[in-house]
Amino acid sequence: MTEKEIHDICKKYNIKDYTVNPDGSIDVLGNVSLSNNELTELPLKFNIIEGFFLCNDNKLTSLKNFPISVYGIYCSNNNLACTSCSSLR
C-alpha cells in the first residue's frame, strides 16, 4: 500500500494525528473509530494507538492489522473465531 493510499483511507475514516511508519503501519495519537462499517478486515495496519480503538459491529474474522499497543479496545459484535479473542468480544 502506498503512503497516498494510507492517507486516503485515514481521511475516509476520519483518522487524524497519525504517523505512517516505514513498514506501512500507522501510529495514532487519539481515538480510532471504525465501528459499523461492515468491515471483514481492517483497512490499515495499526501499530500504536494512544487512545481507544473502536471496531465493534463489523464482520471482522481475524486480528490481522490490529494495533500492538492501545489504551482500550471495543470490538464486540464481530465474527472473530479465535480463542484468544474472547476479551475483544
C-alpha atoms as a PDB file:
ATOM      1  CA  MET A   1       0.000   0.000   0.000  1.00  0.00           C
ATOM      2  CA  THR A   2       1.368   3.418  -0.921  1.00  0.00           C
ATOM      3  CA  GLU A   3       1.592   6.310   1.501  1.00  0.00           C
ATOM      4  CA  LYS A   4      -1.043   8.166  -0.549  1.00  0.00           C
ATOM      5  CA  GLU A   5      -3.435   5.202  -0.200  1.00  0.00           C
ATOM      6  CA  ILE A   6      -2.831   5.218   3.563  1.00  0.00           C
ATOM      7  CA  HIS A   7      -3.617   8.953   3.737  1.00  0.00           C
ATOM      8  CA  ASP A   8      -6.777   8.443   1.642  1.00  0.00           C
ATOM      9  CA  ILE A   9      -8.005   5.670   3.958  1.00  0.00           C
ATOM     10  CA  CYS A  10      -7.247   7.785   7.033  1.00  0.00           C
ATOM     11  CA  LYS A  11      -9.271  10.618   5.517  1.00  0.00           C
ATOM     12  CA  LYS A  12     -12.163   8.267   4.660  1.00  0.00           C
ATOM     13  CA  TYR A  13     -12.376   7.042   8.279  1.00  0.00           C
ATOM     14  CA  ASN A  14     -11.615  10.439   9.838  1.00  0.00           C
ATOM     15  CA  ILE A  15      -8.345   9.254  11.403  1.00  0.00           C
ATOM     16  CA  LYS A  16      -6.284  12.271  12.427  1.00  0.00           C
ATOM     17  CA  ASP A  17      -2.998  12.894  14.210  1.00  0.00           C
ATOM     18  CA  TYR A  18      -1.277   9.842  12.762  1.00  0.00           C
ATOM     19  CA  THR A  19       2.212   8.937  11.627  1.00  0.00           C
ATOM     20  CA  VAL A  20       2.991   6.486   8.832  1.00  0.00           C
ATOM     21  CA  ASN A  21       5.819   4.160   9.854  1.00  0.00           C
ATOM     22  CA  PRO A  22       8.425   2.743   7.425  1.00  0.00           C
ATOM     23  CA  ASP A  23       6.639  -0.660   7.430  1.00  0.00           C
ATOM     24  CA  GLY A  24       3.347   0.947   6.326  1.00  0.00           C
ATOM     25  CA  SER A  25       1.711   0.706   9.749  1.00  0.00           C
ATOM     26  CA  ILE A  26       0.340   3.791  11.470  1.00  0.00           C
ATOM     27  CA  ASP A  27       0.603   5.232  14.951  1.00  0.00           C
ATOM     28  CA  VAL A  28      -2.335   7.365  16.086  1.00  0.00           C
ATOM     29  CA  LEU A  29      -2.374   9.992  18.809  1.00  0.00           C
ATOM     30  CA  GLY A  30      -6.049   9.769  19.780  1.00  0.00           C
ATOM     31  CA  ASN A  31      -9.029   7.526  19.172  1.00  0.00           C
ATOM     32  CA  VAL A  32      -9.814   5.436  16.094  1.00  0.00           C
ATOM     33  CA  SER A  33     -13.443   4.603  15.339  1.00  0.00           C
ATOM     34  CA  LEU A  34     -14.109   2.013  12.649  1.00  0.00           C
ATOM     35  CA  SER A  35     -17.417   0.786  14.097  1.00  0.00           C
ATOM     36  CA  ASN A  36     -20.474  -0.012  11.971  1.00  0.00           C
ATOM     37  CA  ASN A  37     -18.688  -0.232   8.616  1.00  0.00           C
ATOM     38  CA  GLU A  38     -19.300  -3.924   7.787  1.00  0.00           C
ATOM     39  CA  LEU A  39     -15.527  -4.443   7.601  1.00  0.00           C
ATOM     40  CA  THR A  40     -14.315  -8.018   7.137  1.00  0.00           C
ATOM     41  CA  GLU A  41     -10.735  -6.903   7.814  1.00  0.00           C
ATOM     42  CA  LEU A  42      -9.079  -3.716   8.998  1.00  0.00           C
ATOM     43  CA  PRO A  43      -8.257  -1.350   6.133  1.00  0.00           C
ATOM     44  CA  LEU A  44      -4.916  -0.275   7.642  1.00  0.00           C
ATOM     45  CA  LYS A  45      -2.095  -1.865   9.590  1.00  0.00           C
ATOM     46  CA  PHE A  46      -2.218  -0.277  13.039  1.00  0.00           C
ATOM     47  CA  ASN A  47       0.812  -0.157  15.306  1.00  0.00           C
ATOM     48  CA  ILE A  48       0.280   2.079  18.357  1.00  0.00           C
ATOM     49  CA  ILE A  49      -2.951   3.880  19.210  1.00  0.00           C
ATOM     50  CA  GLU A  50      -2.715   6.309  22.091  1.00  0.00           C
ATOM     51  CA  GLY A  51      -6.449   6.274  22.690  1.00  0.00           C
ATOM     52  CA  PHE A  52      -9.397   3.947  22.194  1.00  0.00           C
ATOM     53  CA  PHE A  53      -9.764   1.580  19.239  1.00  0.00           C
ATOM     54  CA  LEU A  54     -13.424   1.085  18.343  1.00  0.00           C
ATOM     55  CA  CYS A  55     -14.188  -1.611  15.798  1.00  0.00           C
ATOM     56  CA  ASN A  56     -17.461  -3.055  17.072  1.00  0.00           C
ATOM     57  CA  ASP A  57     -20.406  -4.015  14.881  1.00  0.00           C
ATOM     58  CA  ASN A  58     -18.408  -5.089  11.841  1.00  0.00           C
ATOM     59  CA  LYS A  59     -17.764  -8.507  10.291  1.00  0.00           C
ATOM     60  CA  LEU A  60     -14.112  -8.912  11.304  1.00  0.00           C
ATOM     61  CA  THR A  61     -12.880 -12.503  11.244  1.00  0.00           C
ATOM     62  CA  SER A  62      -9.291 -12.110  12.474  1.00  0.00           C
ATOM     63  CA  LEU A  63      -6.944  -9.871  14.420  1.00  0.00           C
ATOM     64  CA  LYS A  64      -4.877  -9.103  11.312  1.00  0.00           C
ATOM     65  CA  ASN A  65      -3.690  -5.463  11.361  1.00  0.00           C
ATOM     66  CA  PHE A  66      -4.913  -4.900  14.938  1.00  0.00           C
ATOM     67  CA  PRO A  67      -2.809  -2.469  16.963  1.00  0.00           C
ATOM     68  CA  ILE A  68       0.026  -3.932  19.005  1.00  0.00           C
ATOM     69  CA  SER A  69      -0.454  -1.289  21.692  1.00  0.00           C
ATOM     70  CA  VAL A  70      -3.653   0.563  22.520  1.00  0.00           C
ATOM     71  CA  TYR A  71      -5.244   2.284  25.515  1.00  0.00           C
ATOM     72  CA  GLY A  72      -8.546   0.413  25.143  1.00  0.00           C
ATOM     73  CA  ILE A  73     -10.337  -1.774  22.590  1.00  0.00           C
ATOM     74  CA  TYR A  74     -14.064  -2.098  21.959  1.00  0.00           C
ATOM     75  CA  CYS A  75     -14.606  -4.814  19.389  1.00  0.00           C
ATOM     76  CA  SER A  76     -17.883  -6.575  20.144  1.00  0.00           C
ATOM     77  CA  ASN A  77     -20.305  -7.967  17.568  1.00  0.00           C
ATOM     78  CA  ASN A  78     -17.845  -9.301  15.010  1.00  0.00           C
ATOM     79  CA  ASN A  79     -17.093 -12.762  13.635  1.00  0.00           C
ATOM     80  CA  LEU A  80     -13.831 -13.331  15.491  1.00  0.00           C
ATOM     81  CA  ALA A  81     -13.369 -17.085  15.818  1.00  0.00           C
ATOM     82  CA  CYS A  82     -10.073 -17.406  17.668  1.00  0.00           C
ATOM     83  CA  THR A  83      -9.908 -18.496  21.299  1.00  0.00           C
ATOM     84  CA  SER A  84      -7.535 -15.659  22.183  1.00  0.00           C
ATOM     85  CA  CYS A  85     -10.122 -13.118  21.040  1.00  0.00           C
ATOM     86  CA  SER A  86     -12.596 -13.626  23.869  1.00  0.00           C
ATOM     87  CA  SER A  87     -11.535 -10.431  25.630  1.00  0.00           C
ATOM     88  CA  LEU A  88     -12.325  -8.426  22.472  1.00  0.00           C
ATOM     89  CA  ARG A  89     -15.912  -9.604  22.051  1.00  0.00           C
END
